[in-house]
Amino acid sequence: MADATTSSISIAANPERVMSVIADFRAYPEWADQVKTVEVLVTGPDARAERVRFTMDAGPIKDSYTLDYEWAPDGLSVSWNLVKGQIQKAQNGSYRLVAEGDSTMVTYSLAVDLNIPMIGMLRRKAEKVIIDTALKGLKRRVERG
């Protein structure tokens, strides 16, 4: 698996509010620009999604894929791994939240391997675009309420 690309953003809300938006997969097409459709396939005993299918269009990366999610018991992080994808052969990612007074620092890490050859520099640039777009969309969604 390739090295992860990571970026952070400060969001004016508590970690619980931020995580509630992250966990609301059905609303992703409303704020995550690359995500076109979402279907929660499996929910856990805590009612959080454990397996989710996405269709996304992120410029050079277009795919339908399924991810498995693992939620930290403290509610401050979530990580995921690719189960199945059309052009992706691997995806590992995470959101990590740290309370900072009245705000939350959100760090998003993402590593993607594709079935098609892609120069590492281009792959990292695509990951960076995906991460930055997602973080900005998450900030807008959380801060608008």
C-alpha atoms as a PDB file:
ATOM      1  CA  MET A   1       0.000   0.000   0.000  1.00  0.00           C
ATOM      2  CA  ALA A   2       1.264   3.461  -0.858  1.00  0.00           C
ATOM      3  CA  ASP A   3       2.052   6.115   1.723  1.00  0.00           C
ATOM      4  CA  ALA A   4      -0.979   8.020   2.946  1.00  0.00           C
ATOM      5  CA  THR A   5      -1.671  11.636   2.040  1.00  0.00           C
ATOM      6  CA  THR A   6      -2.809  13.637   5.085  1.00  0.00           C
ATOM      7  CA  SER A   7      -4.349  17.051   5.666  1.00  0.00           C
ATOM      8  CA  SER A   8      -6.086  18.803   8.587  1.00  0.00           C
ATOM      9  CA  ILE A   9      -8.679  21.521   9.113  1.00  0.00           C
ATOM     10  CA  SER A  10     -10.133  23.269  12.154  1.00  0.00           C
ATOM     11  CA  ILE A  11     -13.932  23.150  12.438  1.00  0.00           C
ATOM     12  CA  ALA A  12     -15.898  25.402  14.789  1.00  0.00           C
ATOM     13  CA  ALA A  13     -17.856  22.616  16.524  1.00  0.00           C
ATOM     14  CA  ASN A  14     -17.320  19.939  19.142  1.00  0.00           C
ATOM     15  CA  PRO A  15     -16.035  16.486  18.088  1.00  0.00           C
ATOM     16  CA  GLU A  16     -19.463  14.873  18.625  1.00  0.00           C
ATOM     17  CA  ARG A  17     -21.065  17.227  16.084  1.00  0.00           C
ATOM     18  CA  VAL A  18     -18.267  16.672  13.572  1.00  0.00           C
ATOM     19  CA  MET A  19     -18.433  12.884  13.945  1.00  0.00           C
ATOM     20  CA  SER A  20     -22.218  12.898  13.542  1.00  0.00           C
ATOM     21  CA  VAL A  21     -21.793  14.522  10.115  1.00  0.00           C
ATOM     22  CA  ILE A  22     -19.016  12.077   9.171  1.00  0.00           C
ATOM     23  CA  ALA A  23     -21.252   9.149  10.192  1.00  0.00           C
ATOM     24  CA  ASP A  24     -24.266  10.388   8.165  1.00  0.00           C
ATOM     25  CA  PHE A  25     -23.310   8.655   4.917  1.00  0.00           C
ATOM     26  CA  ARG A  26     -26.666   9.135   3.219  1.00  0.00           C
ATOM     27  CA  ALA A  27     -26.070  12.927   3.302  1.00  0.00           C
ATOM     28  CA  TYR A  28     -22.591  12.745   1.680  1.00  0.00           C
ATOM     29  CA  PRO A  29     -23.840  13.624  -1.835  1.00  0.00           C
ATOM     30  CA  GLU A  30     -25.117  16.913  -0.349  1.00  0.00           C
ATOM     31  CA  TRP A  31     -21.676  18.074   0.835  1.00  0.00           C
ATOM     32  CA  ALA A  32     -18.931  15.771  -0.469  1.00  0.00           C
ATOM     33  CA  ASP A  33     -18.568  16.966  -4.059  1.00  0.00           C
ATOM     34  CA  GLN A  34     -16.982  13.783  -5.419  1.00  0.00           C
ATOM     35  CA  VAL A  35     -19.600  11.447  -3.930  1.00  0.00           C
ATOM     36  CA  LYS A  36     -22.531  10.864  -6.265  1.00  0.00           C
ATOM     37  CA  THR A  37     -24.403   8.011  -4.521  1.00  0.00           C
ATOM     38  CA  VAL A  38     -24.140   6.187  -1.181  1.00  0.00           C
ATOM     39  CA  GLU A  39     -25.758   2.999   0.059  1.00  0.00           C
ATOM     40  CA  VAL A  40     -25.281   1.712   3.616  1.00  0.00           C
ATOM     41  CA  LEU A  41     -25.107  -2.080   3.257  1.00  0.00           C
ATOM     42  CA  VAL A  42     -24.450  -3.172   6.852  1.00  0.00           C
ATOM     43  CA  THR A  43     -25.025  -1.415  10.166  1.00  0.00           C
ATOM     44  CA  GLY A  44     -23.539  -2.488  13.460  1.00  0.00           C
ATOM     45  CA  PRO A  45     -25.247  -2.948  16.831  1.00  0.00           C
ATOM     46  CA  ASP A  46     -24.521   0.721  17.604  1.00  0.00           C
ATOM     47  CA  ALA A  47     -26.476   1.737  14.454  1.00  0.00           C
ATOM     48  CA  ARG A  48     -23.302   3.027  12.775  1.00  0.00           C
ATOM     49  CA  ALA A  49     -22.506   1.957   9.238  1.00  0.00           C
ATOM     50  CA  GLU A  50     -20.028  -0.892   8.967  1.00  0.00           C
ATOM     51  CA  ARG A  51     -20.138  -1.436   5.183  1.00  0.00           C
ATOM     52  CA  VAL A  52     -20.953   1.298   2.672  1.00  0.00           C
ATOM     53  CA  ARG A  53     -21.049   1.376  -1.148  1.00  0.00           C
ATOM     54  CA  PHE A  54     -20.118   4.624  -2.917  1.00  0.00           C
ATOM     55  CA  THR A  55     -20.097   5.947  -6.447  1.00  0.00           C
ATOM     56  CA  MET A  56     -17.635   8.796  -6.860  1.00  0.00           C
ATOM     57  CA  ASP A  57     -16.265  11.081  -9.523  1.00  0.00           C
ATOM     58  CA  ALA A  58     -13.067  12.867  -8.480  1.00  0.00           C
ATOM     59  CA  GLY A  59     -11.642  13.938 -11.816  1.00  0.00           C
ATOM     60  CA  PRO A  60      -8.968  11.370 -12.651  1.00  0.00           C
ATOM     61  CA  ILE A  61     -10.518   8.843 -10.259  1.00  0.00           C
ATOM     62  CA  LYS A  62     -14.044   7.598 -11.013  1.00  0.00           C
ATOM     63  CA  ASP A  63     -15.184   4.470  -9.230  1.00  0.00           C
ATOM     64  CA  SER A  64     -17.905   2.468  -7.552  1.00  0.00           C
ATOM     65  CA  TYR A  65     -16.502   0.869  -4.431  1.00  0.00           C
ATOM     66  CA  THR A  66     -17.370  -0.630  -1.060  1.00  0.00           C
ATOM     67  CA  LEU A  67     -15.672   0.244   2.220  1.00  0.00           C
ATOM     68  CA  ASP A  68     -15.686  -1.367   5.662  1.00  0.00           C
ATOM     69  CA  TYR A  69     -15.639   1.072   8.605  1.00  0.00           C
ATOM     70  CA  GLU A  70     -14.244   0.735  12.109  1.00  0.00           C
ATOM     71  CA  TRP A  71     -15.406   3.289  14.697  1.00  0.00           C
ATOM     72  CA  ALA A  72     -13.213   4.057  17.708  1.00  0.00           C
ATOM     73  CA  PRO A  73     -15.027   3.532  21.038  1.00  0.00           C
ATOM     74  CA  ASP A  74     -14.056   7.055  22.165  1.00  0.00           C
ATOM     75  CA  GLY A  75     -15.887   8.595  19.184  1.00  0.00           C
ATOM     76  CA  LEU A  76     -12.787  10.494  18.067  1.00  0.00           C
ATOM     77  CA  SER A  77     -11.760   8.485  15.027  1.00  0.00           C
ATOM     78  CA  VAL A  78     -13.015   6.283  12.255  1.00  0.00           C
ATOM     79  CA  SER A  79     -10.995   4.283   9.758  1.00  0.00           C
ATOM     80  CA  TRP A  80     -11.911   2.354   6.648  1.00  0.00           C
ATOM     81  CA  ASN A  81     -10.574  -0.188   4.165  1.00  0.00           C
ATOM     82  CA  LEU A  82     -11.584  -1.115   0.652  1.00  0.00           C
ATOM     83  CA  VAL A  83     -13.629  -4.290   0.279  1.00  0.00           C
ATOM     84  CA  LYS A  84     -14.258  -4.034  -3.455  1.00  0.00           C
ATOM     85  CA  GLY A  85     -13.676  -1.458  -6.161  1.00  0.00           C
ATOM     86  CA  GLN A  86     -13.755  -1.173  -9.927  1.00  0.00           C
ATOM     87  CA  ILE A  87     -10.521   0.749 -10.474  1.00  0.00           C
ATOM     88  CA  GLN A  88      -9.199   0.730  -6.910  1.00  0.00           C
ATOM     89  CA  LYS A  89      -7.300  -2.263  -5.621  1.00  0.00           C
ATOM     90  CA  ALA A  90      -6.766  -0.752  -2.160  1.00  0.00           C
ATOM     91  CA  GLN A  91      -7.974   2.193  -0.102  1.00  0.00           C
ATOM     92  CA  ASN A  92      -7.181   2.931   3.519  1.00  0.00           C
ATOM     93  CA  GLY A  93      -8.317   6.082   5.213  1.00  0.00           C
ATOM     94  CA  SER A  94      -9.224   7.700   8.482  1.00  0.00           C
ATOM     95  CA  TYR A  95     -10.641  10.755  10.173  1.00  0.00           C
ATOM     96  CA  ARG A  96      -9.071  11.662  13.527  1.00  0.00           C
ATOM     97  CA  LEU A  97     -10.649  14.353  15.703  1.00  0.00           C
ATOM     98  CA  VAL A  98      -8.989  16.385  18.461  1.00  0.00           C
ATOM     99  CA  ALA A  99     -10.944  18.853  20.588  1.00  0.00           C
ATOM    100  CA  GLU A 100      -9.321  22.301  20.729  1.00  0.00           C
ATOM    101  CA  GLY A 101     -11.443  24.531  22.949  1.00  0.00           C
ATOM    102  CA  ASP A 102     -14.612  25.380  20.999  1.00  0.00           C
ATOM    103  CA  SER A 103     -13.231  23.803  17.809  1.00  0.00           C
ATOM    104  CA  THR A 104     -12.175  20.411  16.546  1.00  0.00           C
ATOM    105  CA  MET A 105      -9.026  19.694  14.540  1.00  0.00           C
ATOM    106  CA  VAL A 106      -9.932  17.080  11.918  1.00  0.00           C
ATOM    107  CA  THR A 107      -7.148  15.120  10.243  1.00  0.00           C
ATOM    108  CA  TYR A 108      -8.008  13.083   7.152  1.00  0.00           C
ATOM    109  CA  SER A 109      -5.550  10.467   5.874  1.00  0.00           C
ATOM    110  CA  LEU A 110      -6.007   8.595   2.614  1.00  0.00           C
ATOM    111  CA  ALA A 111      -3.988   6.072   0.619  1.00  0.00           C
ATOM    112  CA  VAL A 112      -5.338   4.676  -2.636  1.00  0.00           C
ATOM    113  CA  ASP A 113      -3.851   2.089  -5.004  1.00  0.00           C
ATOM    114  CA  LEU A 114      -5.385   1.747  -8.446  1.00  0.00           C
ATOM    115  CA  ASN A 115      -5.622  -1.186 -10.823  1.00  0.00           C
ATOM    116  CA  ILE A 116      -4.297   1.104 -13.551  1.00  0.00           C
ATOM    117  CA  PRO A 117      -0.740   2.434 -13.528  1.00  0.00           C
ATOM    118  CA  MET A 118      -0.469   5.973 -12.174  1.00  0.00           C
ATOM    119  CA  ILE A 119       2.685   7.913 -11.426  1.00  0.00           C
ATOM    120  CA  GLY A 120       3.040   8.347  -7.664  1.00  0.00           C
ATOM    121  CA  MET A 121       3.085  12.132  -7.944  1.00  0.00           C
ATOM    122  CA  LEU A 122      -0.247  12.141  -9.832  1.00  0.00           C
ATOM    123  CA  ARG A 123      -1.800   9.684  -7.373  1.00  0.00           C
ATOM    124  CA  ARG A 124      -0.773  11.868  -4.409  1.00  0.00           C
ATOM    125  CA  LYS A 125      -2.113  14.972  -6.157  1.00  0.00           C
ATOM    126  CA  ALA A 126      -5.471  13.222  -6.734  1.00  0.00           C
ATOM    127  CA  GLU A 127      -5.545  12.099  -3.081  1.00  0.00           C
ATOM    128  CA  LYS A 128      -4.781  15.671  -1.967  1.00  0.00           C
ATOM    129  CA  VAL A 129      -7.644  17.057  -4.080  1.00  0.00           C
ATOM    130  CA  ILE A 130     -10.032  14.436  -2.660  1.00  0.00           C
ATOM    131  CA  ILE A 131      -8.940  15.144   0.932  1.00  0.00           C
ATOM    132  CA  ASP A 132      -9.013  18.942   0.651  1.00  0.00           C
ATOM    133  CA  THR A 133     -12.409  18.929  -1.054  1.00  0.00           C
ATOM    134  CA  ALA A 134     -13.817  16.555   1.571  1.00  0.00           C
ATOM    135  CA  LEU A 135     -12.436  18.586   4.495  1.00  0.00           C
ATOM    136  CA  LYS A 136     -13.778  21.875   3.113  1.00  0.00           C
ATOM    137  CA  GLY A 137     -17.181  20.275   2.460  1.00  0.00           C
ATOM    138  CA  LEU A 138     -17.223  18.760   5.960  1.00  0.00           C
ATOM    139  CA  LYS A 139     -16.375  22.151   7.504  1.00  0.00           C
ATOM    140  CA  ARG A 140     -19.170  23.886   5.554  1.00  0.00           C
ATOM    141  CA  ARG A 141     -21.682  21.181   6.478  1.00  0.00           C
ATOM    142  CA  VAL A 142     -20.827  21.144  10.201  1.00  0.00           C
ATOM    143  CA  GLU A 143     -20.561  24.905  10.637  1.00  0.00           C
ATOM    144  CA  ARG A 144     -23.838  25.609   8.816  1.00  0.00           C
ATOM    145  CA  GLY A 145     -25.673  23.273  11.165  1.00  0.00           C
END
